[in-house]
Amino acid sequence: MTTRSPLPAGPVARCALPGADLSAAAQAVGDRLTAEGRAGADEAPGLSRHLVALAAHYGNSPFTPLEETRARLGVGEDAFRRLLTLFRTVPDLRTAVEQGPAGKYWQNTLLPLERQGLYDTVLDRKPAFPHIVGLYPGPTCMFRCHFCVRVTGARYDPSALGAGNEMFASVIDEIPDGNPYAMYFSGGLEPLTNPGLGTLVARAAGRGLRPTVYTNSFALTEQTLARQPGLWDLHAVRTSLYGLSDEEYEHTTGKRAAFGRVKANLLRFQELRAGRGAPVRLGLSYIVLPGRAHRLLDLVDFIAELDAAAPGRPVDFLNVREDYSGREDGRLPEAERAELQDALAAFEEKVRERTPALDVDYGYALQSLRLGADAELLRIRPETMRPTAHPQISVQVDLLGDVYLYREAGFPDLEDAHRYIAGRVAPGGSLTEVVDRFVREGGQVPPAPGNEYFLDGFDQVVTARLNQLEADTAAGWGDFRGFLR
């Protein structure tokens, strides 16, 4: 699989991309409207320019409320309603939005959840079992990463492991059939520090689930795999890389000689999974920290080395992200932006040469950057947080059974995080009951300054989409809410 999907063909399908020929796109749309009898020859040019403008805008700014867009176009309500109706009749316009610089928002999150009817479930305050459940089984972590919100030294008492793993097993058992990717193991703290993780994985796999574990792989040793054979039932092991040398790891995680151990673990994992013919996928997550864009080329060499350890079983996927922590406006400085664009271009070329089977996902902002658009991450603020959150879409459960509303809140002793506990899965209770009670009783958490950091990228996207849908409906655009459906 290549790292770059083919760019859409034709001026209309490409109209949201930087440098697109908008005049040619408008001409093509106008010709189609007149040929199909949807507009007269005199009105088609004006309509087509507005339609292309809509595609270009939502291909770059997917969360704009419709009323704001109408005002930007300067058209009346009836004219805008006609534009929205006509937009749906030109498939290439939709392609332009989905393949535009902000296409990952549409493809990865917005439209998949829309197709499940999950936004309506949240907005209508209907109880439902969470679409995605994160289990946070780790009692501790061996790293102390500078960008992690974990309280230094915070951990769960080892005595909580027995009851905690029984609770996790009960949550796995109540996950409804039909959604094999409904749960994952992460943290919080490091999942592989839980000696019962393999048993939980085997239980999930036995139910037809396909869980991924998000790990730093420091404990992914041959001994761990031998003690916990259920780990081979994972759908994927996704390893977070914090550098490509012991020095970089120590600077980021505070632990000496950590990279060497992680590398040795991954090389041996490659050999073992190839020897077993195990279907478990291996992937890496790499954050491009400031000043390290040039290290992307070394990352390809590292992955190629892992591939060489298991001929025929290359590393399956790589998630590349930019570190936006501390950037209040969610934007990169111009110099850093240019440096990163150049580094991404060289990186892609080297991937094609050395690791052609690697599936690279650039996430929301880097996808925009590699297509030549300005990279800007979505930023939810306390005033745009939703007190009711979205537990029907996603929750996280820690070792104590506490059900957290946001993914970055599930850390022990984290200040203010307790406010985002919807309830506890206790003996004789269930996750279904916790979520139902929170929704039916109108549970709310008034946001306070700093609480926005409890939302990870997924939570922010879901929150922005719910706000957008709510605004569209309130403004009278319920039939077209969210622009693309």
Protein backbone atom coordinates (compact mmCIF):
# COMPACT_ATOMS: atom_id res chain seq x y z
CA MET A 1 0.00 0.00 0.00
CA THR A 2 1.36 3.41 -0.89
CA THR A 3 1.47 6.40 1.40
CA ARG A 4 -0.27 8.81 -0.95
CA SER A 5 -3.76 8.24 -2.31
CA PRO A 6 -4.25 9.33 -5.92
CA LEU A 7 -5.48 12.89 -6.13
CA PRO A 8 -9.04 13.19 -7.40
CA ALA A 9 -9.37 13.60 -11.15
CA GLY A 10 -11.07 16.50 -12.88
CA PRO A 11 -11.35 20.18 -11.97
CA VAL A 12 -14.50 19.76 -9.88
CA ALA A 13 -13.19 16.92 -7.72
CA ARG A 14 -9.98 18.89 -7.16
CA CYS A 15 -11.55 22.27 -6.43
CA ALA A 16 -10.84 22.21 -2.66
CA LEU A 17 -7.10 21.68 -3.14
CA PRO A 18 -4.59 24.54 -3.04
CA GLY A 19 -4.01 26.03 -6.49
CA ALA A 20 -7.16 24.51 -7.97
CA ASP A 21 -8.61 26.01 -11.15
CA LEU A 22 -11.88 27.28 -9.69
CA SER A 23 -13.01 28.80 -12.98
CA ALA A 24 -12.71 25.49 -14.78
CA ALA A 25 -14.50 23.74 -11.93
CA ALA A 26 -17.36 26.24 -12.02
CA GLN A 27 -17.64 25.90 -15.79
CA ALA A 28 -17.87 22.12 -15.52
CA VAL A 29 -20.51 22.31 -12.80
CA GLY A 30 -22.52 24.86 -14.78
CA ASP A 31 -22.43 22.68 -17.88
CA ARG A 32 -23.72 19.75 -15.86
CA LEU A 33 -26.55 21.75 -14.30
CA THR A 34 -27.78 23.00 -17.67
CA ALA A 35 -27.38 19.61 -19.36
CA GLU A 36 -29.50 17.95 -16.66
CA GLY A 37 -32.09 20.72 -16.76
CA ARG A 38 -31.44 21.78 -13.15
CA ALA A 39 -30.64 25.38 -14.06
CA GLY A 40 -31.10 27.73 -16.97
CA ALA A 41 -28.15 28.91 -19.02
CA ASP A 42 -28.44 32.42 -17.57
CA GLU A 43 -28.36 31.35 -13.92
CA ALA A 44 -25.97 28.39 -14.11
CA PRO A 45 -22.74 30.46 -13.92
CA GLY A 46 -23.71 32.14 -10.65
CA LEU A 47 -24.99 28.93 -9.11
CA SER A 48 -21.92 26.96 -10.14
CA ARG A 49 -19.52 29.53 -8.66
CA HIS A 50 -21.32 29.30 -5.32
CA LEU A 51 -21.35 25.50 -5.43
CA VAL A 52 -17.62 25.34 -6.07
CA ALA A 53 -17.08 27.88 -3.29
CA LEU A 54 -19.03 25.61 -0.93
CA ALA A 55 -16.90 22.59 -1.83
CA ALA A 56 -13.68 24.55 -1.46
CA HIS A 57 -14.72 25.91 1.92
CA TYR A 58 -15.92 22.66 3.49
CA GLY A 59 -12.98 20.78 2.05
CA ASN A 60 -10.81 23.01 4.24
CA SER A 61 -13.10 24.10 7.11
CA PRO A 62 -15.52 21.26 7.86
CA PHE A 63 -17.03 22.63 11.10
CA THR A 64 -18.47 25.92 9.82
CA PRO A 65 -22.18 26.32 10.71
CA LEU A 66 -24.40 26.66 7.64
CA GLU A 67 -25.80 30.03 8.65
CA GLU A 68 -22.29 31.43 8.83
CA THR A 69 -21.57 30.06 5.36
CA ARG A 70 -24.79 31.56 3.97
CA ALA A 71 -23.77 34.97 5.30
CA ARG A 72 -20.32 34.57 3.78
CA LEU A 73 -21.85 33.85 0.36
CA GLY A 74 -24.25 36.76 0.74
CA VAL A 75 -27.35 34.88 -0.44
CA GLY A 76 -30.86 34.66 0.94
CA GLU A 77 -32.31 31.64 2.67
CA ASP A 78 -34.25 30.34 -0.35
CA ALA A 79 -31.24 30.72 -2.61
CA PHE A 80 -29.02 28.99 -0.09
CA ARG A 81 -31.47 26.13 0.30
CA ARG A 82 -31.42 25.65 -3.47
CA LEU A 83 -27.62 25.63 -3.48
CA LEU A 84 -27.52 22.95 -0.80
CA THR A 85 -30.02 20.86 -2.74
CA LEU A 86 -28.09 21.22 -5.99
CA PHE A 87 -24.82 20.36 -4.26
CA ARG A 88 -26.14 16.88 -3.58
CA THR A 89 -26.75 16.28 -7.29
CA VAL A 90 -23.08 16.70 -8.29
CA PRO A 91 -21.04 13.77 -6.89
CA ASP A 92 -17.68 15.36 -7.79
CA LEU A 93 -18.43 18.24 -5.44
CA ARG A 94 -18.77 15.78 -2.57
CA THR A 95 -15.53 14.11 -3.67
CA ALA A 96 -13.82 17.50 -3.53
CA VAL A 97 -14.85 17.93 0.10
CA GLU A 98 -13.90 14.40 1.16
CA GLN A 99 -10.55 14.52 -0.65
CA GLY A 100 -9.68 18.08 0.31
CA PRO A 101 -7.05 19.16 2.83
CA ALA A 102 -9.51 18.54 5.69
CA GLY A 103 -10.60 15.23 4.19
CA LYS A 104 -9.34 13.17 7.12
CA TYR A 105 -11.91 14.80 9.36
CA TRP A 106 -14.68 13.72 6.98
CA GLN A 107 -13.32 10.27 6.15
CA ASN A 108 -12.01 9.13 9.52
CA THR A 109 -14.55 10.52 11.96
CA LEU A 110 -17.41 12.75 10.80
CA LEU A 111 -19.09 10.59 8.17
CA PRO A 112 -18.50 7.15 9.78
CA LEU A 113 -20.20 8.30 12.99
CA GLU A 114 -22.92 10.03 10.97
CA ARG A 115 -23.71 6.78 9.14
CA GLN A 116 -24.20 5.08 12.52
CA GLY A 117 -26.69 7.75 13.61
CA LEU A 118 -24.55 8.45 16.66
CA TYR A 119 -24.71 12.25 16.57
CA ASP A 120 -28.50 12.13 16.66
CA THR A 121 -28.36 9.74 19.59
CA VAL A 122 -26.23 12.22 21.54
CA LEU A 123 -28.21 15.32 20.54
CA ASP A 124 -31.53 13.62 21.33
CA ARG A 125 -30.16 12.50 24.72
CA LYS A 126 -30.94 8.85 24.05
CA PRO A 127 -29.15 6.27 26.21
CA ALA A 128 -26.99 3.84 24.24
CA PHE A 129 -24.03 1.59 24.89
CA PRO A 130 -20.86 3.49 23.91
CA HIS A 131 -19.81 3.00 20.30
CA ILE A 132 -16.15 2.86 21.39
CA VAL A 133 -14.89 1.75 24.81
CA GLY A 134 -11.33 2.34 25.91
CA LEU A 135 -10.13 0.07 28.68
CA TYR A 136 -7.24 1.54 30.71
CA PRO A 137 -5.78 -1.49 32.53
CA GLY A 138 -2.27 -0.28 33.37
CA PRO A 139 -1.51 0.16 37.10
CA THR A 140 1.64 2.21 36.40
CA CYS A 141 4.01 3.47 33.70
CA MET A 142 7.77 3.34 33.41
CA PHE A 143 7.99 6.62 31.45
CA ARG A 144 7.40 10.23 32.40
CA CYS A 145 6.88 11.99 29.07
CA HIS A 146 7.04 15.78 29.16
CA PHE A 147 3.85 16.15 27.11
CA CYS A 148 1.85 13.63 29.19
CA VAL A 149 -0.64 14.93 31.76
CA ARG A 150 0.12 12.10 34.19
CA VAL A 151 0.85 13.23 37.74
CA THR A 152 4.43 12.25 38.55
CA GLY A 153 4.48 9.08 40.62
CA ALA A 154 0.71 8.51 40.37
CA ARG A 155 -0.28 4.88 40.03
CA TYR A 156 -2.97 2.42 41.07
CA ASP A 157 -2.42 0.20 44.05
CA PRO A 158 -1.44 -3.32 42.88
CA SER A 159 -4.23 -4.69 45.11
CA ALA A 160 -6.73 -3.27 42.59
CA LEU A 161 -5.60 -5.63 39.83
CA GLY A 162 -7.73 -8.65 40.71
CA ALA A 163 -11.05 -6.85 41.03
CA GLY A 164 -10.13 -4.50 38.19
CA ASN A 165 -9.51 -7.30 35.72
CA GLU A 166 -12.78 -8.99 36.73
CA MET A 167 -14.53 -5.70 36.07
CA PHE A 168 -12.84 -5.35 32.65
CA ALA A 169 -13.95 -8.87 31.79
CA SER A 170 -17.54 -7.96 32.60
CA VAL A 171 -17.34 -4.87 30.38
CA ILE A 172 -15.96 -6.96 27.52
CA ASP A 173 -18.84 -9.41 27.95
CA GLU A 174 -21.50 -6.70 27.64
CA ILE A 175 -20.19 -5.12 24.42
CA PRO A 176 -22.96 -5.63 21.82
CA ASP A 177 -22.32 -7.85 18.83
CA GLY A 178 -21.77 -6.38 15.40
CA ASN A 179 -18.96 -3.91 16.07
CA PRO A 180 -15.64 -5.80 16.19
CA TYR A 181 -13.65 -2.60 16.76
CA ALA A 182 -15.77 -1.43 19.69
CA MET A 183 -12.98 -1.54 22.27
CA TYR A 184 -9.27 -0.98 22.68
CA PHE A 185 -6.65 -1.13 25.44
CA SER A 186 -4.77 2.04 26.25
CA GLY A 187 -4.11 4.52 29.05
CA GLY A 188 -3.85 6.40 31.19
CA LEU A 189 -0.90 4.32 32.23
CA GLU A 190 0.97 1.60 30.33
CA PRO A 191 -1.35 -1.38 29.54
CA LEU A 192 1.45 -3.96 29.47
CA THR A 193 2.14 -3.36 33.17
CA ASN A 194 -1.05 -5.33 33.86
CA PRO A 195 -0.12 -9.05 34.10
CA GLY A 196 -3.71 -10.01 33.20
CA LEU A 197 -3.83 -8.13 29.91
CA GLY A 198 -3.32 -11.24 27.79
CA THR A 199 -6.28 -12.96 29.45
CA LEU A 200 -8.46 -9.93 28.74
CA VAL A 201 -7.33 -9.86 25.11
CA ALA A 202 -8.15 -13.55 24.68
CA ARG A 203 -11.60 -12.97 26.20
CA ALA A 204 -12.27 -10.10 23.80
CA ALA A 205 -11.07 -12.09 20.80
CA GLY A 206 -13.27 -14.98 21.89
CA ARG A 207 -16.25 -12.64 21.58
CA GLY A 208 -15.30 -11.71 18.03
CA LEU A 209 -13.74 -8.38 18.99
CA ARG A 210 -10.57 -7.11 17.33
CA PRO A 211 -8.82 -4.99 19.95
CA THR A 212 -5.73 -2.85 19.54
CA VAL A 213 -3.33 -2.16 22.39
CA TYR A 214 -1.69 1.27 22.53
CA THR A 215 1.65 0.74 24.22
CA ASN A 216 5.17 2.09 24.59
CA SER A 217 6.42 -1.51 24.05
CA PHE A 218 9.05 -1.20 26.80
CA ALA A 219 7.49 -4.31 28.36
CA LEU A 220 6.77 -6.07 25.04
CA THR A 221 9.47 -8.62 25.76
CA GLU A 222 9.66 -12.25 24.70
CA GLN A 223 9.12 -13.15 28.36
CA THR A 224 5.93 -11.06 28.54
CA LEU A 225 4.59 -12.74 25.39
CA ALA A 226 5.39 -16.17 26.83
CA ARG A 227 3.65 -15.38 30.14
CA GLN A 228 0.66 -13.81 28.38
CA PRO A 229 0.00 -15.83 25.21
CA GLY A 230 -3.37 -14.13 24.84
CA LEU A 231 -1.52 -11.08 23.55
CA TRP A 232 -1.16 -12.92 20.25
CA ASP A 233 -4.94 -12.60 19.87
CA LEU A 234 -4.67 -8.83 19.50
CA HIS A 235 -5.77 -7.29 16.24
CA ALA A 236 -2.90 -4.81 16.44
CA VAL A 237 -0.03 -3.60 18.59
CA ARG A 238 0.37 0.14 18.15
CA THR A 239 3.67 1.34 19.58
CA SER A 240 4.26 4.97 20.47
CA LEU A 241 7.79 6.01 19.52
CA TYR A 242 9.33 8.86 21.50
CA GLY A 243 12.49 9.24 19.47
CA LEU A 244 15.02 7.23 17.52
CA SER A 245 17.91 7.14 19.96
CA ASP A 246 18.51 6.60 23.66
CA GLU A 247 19.27 10.31 24.02
CA GLU A 248 16.00 11.39 22.43
CA TYR A 249 14.06 8.90 24.53
CA GLU A 250 15.68 10.08 27.74
CA HIS A 251 14.92 13.70 26.87
CA THR A 252 11.26 12.90 26.19
CA THR A 253 10.49 10.09 28.65
CA GLY A 254 13.03 10.60 31.41
CA LYS A 255 14.20 6.97 31.14
CA ARG A 256 17.74 6.02 30.23
CA ALA A 257 18.57 3.41 27.56
CA ALA A 258 14.86 3.07 26.76
CA PHE A 259 15.06 3.23 22.98
CA GLY A 260 17.52 0.36 22.79
CA ARG A 261 15.15 -1.84 24.76
CA VAL A 262 12.08 -0.85 22.74
CA LYS A 263 13.94 -1.47 19.50
CA ALA A 264 15.13 -4.90 20.67
CA ASN A 265 11.57 -5.78 21.72
CA LEU A 266 10.13 -4.78 18.36
CA LEU A 267 12.79 -6.67 16.40
CA ARG A 268 12.11 -9.82 18.41
CA PHE A 269 8.35 -9.30 18.10
CA GLN A 270 8.78 -9.19 14.34
CA GLU A 271 10.69 -12.47 14.37
CA LEU A 272 8.17 -14.15 16.66
CA ARG A 273 5.03 -13.07 14.82
CA ALA A 274 6.55 -14.15 11.50
CA GLY A 275 7.55 -17.50 12.95
CA ARG A 276 4.10 -18.07 14.41
CA GLY A 277 2.27 -16.77 11.35
CA ALA A 278 0.33 -14.62 13.81
CA PRO A 279 -2.17 -12.26 12.14
CA VAL A 280 -1.63 -9.50 14.73
CA ARG A 281 -0.72 -6.23 13.00
CA LEU A 282 2.22 -4.10 14.06
CA GLY A 283 2.05 -0.34 13.82
CA LEU A 284 3.93 2.68 15.09
CA SER A 285 2.89 6.15 16.19
CA TYR A 286 5.44 8.92 15.80
CA ILE A 287 5.05 12.51 16.95
CA VAL A 288 7.21 15.01 15.09
CA LEU A 289 8.51 17.10 17.96
CA PRO A 290 9.77 20.65 17.31
CA GLY A 291 13.20 20.57 15.70
CA ARG A 292 12.97 16.91 14.74
CA ALA A 293 11.32 17.05 11.30
CA HIS A 294 14.56 15.88 9.73
CA ARG A 295 14.35 12.68 11.76
CA LEU A 296 11.51 11.43 9.58
CA LEU A 297 14.09 10.02 7.15
CA ASP A 298 15.75 8.12 9.99
CA LEU A 299 12.31 6.82 10.96
CA VAL A 300 12.05 5.14 7.54
CA ASP A 301 15.41 3.48 8.10
CA PHE A 302 14.24 2.22 11.49
CA ILE A 303 11.07 0.73 9.98
CA ALA A 304 13.09 -0.85 7.17
CA GLU A 305 15.26 -2.52 9.81
CA LEU A 306 12.16 -3.92 11.49
CA ASP A 307 10.96 -5.18 8.11
CA ALA A 308 14.27 -6.93 7.49
CA ALA A 309 13.88 -8.86 10.75
CA ALA A 310 10.79 -10.59 9.36
CA PRO A 311 10.89 -10.94 5.56
CA GLY A 312 7.35 -11.10 4.23
CA ARG A 313 5.89 -9.54 7.40
CA PRO A 314 6.66 -5.82 7.17
CA VAL A 315 5.44 -3.24 9.66
CA ASP A 316 1.79 -2.67 8.77
CA PHE A 317 1.09 0.97 9.54
CA LEU A 318 2.50 4.24 10.77
CA ASN A 319 0.65 7.17 12.28
CA VAL A 320 2.57 10.44 12.00
CA ARG A 321 1.47 13.43 14.03
CA GLU A 322 2.80 16.92 14.74
CA ASP A 323 3.26 18.14 18.31
CA TYR A 324 0.93 21.11 18.72
CA SER A 325 1.17 21.19 22.50
CA GLY A 326 1.66 24.70 23.79
CA ARG A 327 0.49 26.35 20.56
CA GLU A 328 -2.46 28.43 21.66
CA ASP A 329 -3.73 29.14 18.15
CA GLY A 330 -3.22 25.58 16.92
CA ARG A 331 -0.96 26.83 14.11
CA LEU A 332 2.66 26.28 13.18
CA PRO A 333 5.08 29.18 12.73
CA GLU A 334 5.81 29.80 9.05
CA ALA A 335 9.43 28.64 9.20
CA GLU A 336 8.51 25.41 10.98
CA ARG A 337 5.65 24.85 8.56
CA ALA A 338 7.97 25.12 5.54
CA GLU A 339 10.55 22.86 7.17
CA LEU A 340 7.94 20.24 7.92
CA GLN A 341 6.47 20.35 4.40
CA ASP A 342 9.92 19.73 2.91
CA ALA A 343 10.58 16.94 5.38
CA LEU A 344 7.26 15.25 4.57
CA ALA A 345 7.99 15.32 0.85
CA ALA A 346 11.40 13.71 1.35
CA PHE A 347 9.87 11.23 3.82
CA GLU A 348 7.22 10.09 1.34
CA GLU A 349 9.79 9.54 -1.36
CA LYS A 350 11.94 7.45 0.95
CA VAL A 351 8.92 5.43 2.12
CA ARG A 352 8.16 4.53 -1.49
CA GLU A 353 11.75 3.38 -1.93
CA ARG A 354 12.43 1.49 1.30
CA THR A 355 9.08 0.53 2.88
CA PRO A 356 6.54 0.44 0.01
CA ALA A 357 4.07 -1.75 1.91
CA LEU A 358 3.76 0.73 4.78
CA ASP A 359 0.36 2.38 5.26
CA VAL A 360 1.01 5.92 6.51
CA ASP A 361 -1.73 7.97 8.17
CA TYR A 362 -0.96 11.65 8.66
CA GLY A 363 -3.95 12.55 10.78
CA TYR A 364 -5.95 15.74 10.53
CA ALA A 365 -3.43 18.58 10.39
CA LEU A 366 -0.47 16.92 8.66
CA GLN A 367 -2.77 15.73 5.89
CA SER A 368 -3.61 19.38 5.21
CA LEU A 369 0.04 20.35 5.34
CA ARG A 370 1.20 17.69 2.89
CA LEU A 371 -1.46 18.84 0.40
CA GLY A 372 -0.12 22.37 0.59
CA ALA A 373 -2.76 23.92 2.84
CA ASP A 374 -2.06 25.61 6.14
CA ALA A 375 -1.99 23.14 9.00
CA GLU A 376 -4.23 24.15 11.87
CA LEU A 377 -5.56 21.86 14.54
CA LEU A 378 -9.09 22.17 15.84
CA ARG A 379 -9.16 23.82 19.26
CA ILE A 380 -12.07 23.29 21.66
CA ARG A 381 -12.17 25.83 24.50
CA PRO A 382 -14.03 25.65 27.82
CA GLU A 383 -16.78 27.84 26.34
CA THR A 384 -17.29 25.39 23.44
CA MET A 385 -17.10 22.21 25.51
CA ARG A 386 -20.37 20.37 25.91
CA PRO A 387 -21.32 19.78 29.58
CA THR A 388 -23.17 16.61 28.56
CA ALA A 389 -20.14 15.25 26.64
CA HIS A 390 -20.84 12.27 24.32
CA PRO A 391 -20.78 8.99 26.30
CA GLN A 392 -22.94 7.26 23.68
CA ILE A 393 -20.00 7.62 21.31
CA SER A 394 -16.97 7.08 23.52
CA VAL A 395 -16.01 6.44 27.15
CA GLN A 396 -12.94 5.18 28.97
CA VAL A 397 -12.88 2.80 31.95
CA ASP A 398 -9.94 2.66 34.35
CA LEU A 399 -8.74 -0.06 36.71
CA LEU A 400 -11.12 1.05 39.45
CA GLY A 401 -14.15 0.91 37.14
CA ASP A 402 -14.44 4.69 36.89
CA VAL A 403 -16.02 5.70 33.58
CA TYR A 404 -14.39 8.82 32.14
CA LEU A 405 -16.11 11.06 29.60
CA TYR A 406 -12.89 12.11 27.87
CA ARG A 407 -9.81 10.17 26.82
CA GLU A 408 -7.19 12.36 28.48
CA ALA A 409 -8.98 12.44 31.84
CA GLY A 410 -8.35 8.81 32.79
CA PHE A 411 -5.23 9.34 34.88
CA PRO A 412 -5.05 8.75 38.65
CA ASP A 413 -4.81 11.85 40.84
CA LEU A 414 -5.14 14.24 37.89
CA GLU A 415 -6.51 17.56 39.10
CA ASP A 416 -10.18 18.12 38.23
CA ALA A 417 -10.42 14.85 36.28
CA HIS A 418 -12.73 13.31 38.88
CA ARG A 419 -15.45 15.70 37.70
CA TYR A 420 -15.49 13.85 34.39
CA ILE A 421 -16.31 10.48 35.90
CA ALA A 422 -19.82 9.53 34.78
CA GLY A 423 -20.05 6.71 37.33
CA ARG A 424 -18.35 3.49 38.37
CA VAL A 425 -18.73 -0.05 37.08
CA ALA A 426 -18.99 -1.81 40.44
CA PRO A 427 -19.73 -5.45 41.33
CA GLY A 428 -23.28 -6.22 40.29
CA GLY A 429 -23.36 -3.20 37.97
CA SER A 430 -22.57 -2.60 34.32
CA LEU A 431 -21.22 -0.01 31.94
CA THR A 432 -24.63 0.11 30.30
CA GLU A 433 -26.20 1.18 33.60
CA VAL A 434 -23.57 3.87 34.20
CA VAL A 435 -24.09 5.48 30.79
CA ASP A 436 -27.88 5.12 30.89
CA ARG A 437 -28.03 6.77 34.30
CA PHE A 438 -25.80 9.65 33.27
CA VAL A 439 -27.85 10.34 30.13
CA ARG A 440 -31.34 9.81 31.60
CA GLU A 441 -30.62 11.91 34.67
CA GLY A 442 -29.28 14.76 32.57
CA GLY A 443 -25.71 14.45 33.79
CA GLN A 444 -23.59 17.52 33.13
CA VAL A 445 -20.11 18.73 33.97
CA PRO A 446 -19.75 22.53 33.78
CA PRO A 447 -16.36 23.09 32.12
CA ALA A 448 -13.67 25.03 33.92
CA PRO A 449 -10.51 26.64 32.50
CA GLY A 450 -7.99 23.95 31.64
CA ASN A 451 -10.59 21.19 31.29
CA GLU A 452 -10.27 21.35 27.50
CA TYR A 453 -7.00 19.42 27.81
CA PHE A 454 -8.97 16.34 28.83
CA LEU A 455 -10.19 16.07 25.23
CA ASP A 456 -7.91 14.29 22.79
CA GLY A 457 -8.13 14.85 19.03
CA PHE A 458 -11.08 12.49 18.61
CA ASP A 459 -13.03 14.10 21.45
CA GLN A 460 -12.41 17.54 20.00
CA VAL A 461 -13.66 16.54 16.55
CA VAL A 462 -16.81 14.93 17.97
CA THR A 463 -17.48 17.97 20.15
CA ALA A 464 -17.03 20.40 17.25
CA ARG A 465 -19.34 18.32 15.05
CA LEU A 466 -22.07 18.17 17.70
CA ASN A 467 -21.84 21.94 18.19
CA GLN A 468 -22.09 22.46 14.44
CA LEU A 469 -25.10 20.18 14.06
CA GLU A 470 -26.85 21.86 16.96
CA ALA A 471 -26.21 25.32 15.50
CA ASP A 472 -27.46 24.26 12.05
CA THR A 473 -30.67 22.86 13.46
CA ALA A 474 -31.30 25.91 15.62
CA ALA A 475 -30.84 28.16 12.57
CA GLY A 476 -33.45 26.23 10.58
CA TRP A 477 -31.09 24.09 8.49
CA GLY A 478 -31.95 20.74 10.05
CA ASP A 479 -32.50 19.08 6.66
CA PHE A 480 -28.94 19.95 5.64
CA ARG A 481 -27.23 20.04 9.03
CA GLY A 482 -23.53 19.36 8.96
CA PHE A 483 -23.35 20.00 5.21
CA LEU A 484 -22.35 16.44 4.24
CA ARG A 485 -24.37 13.57 5.60
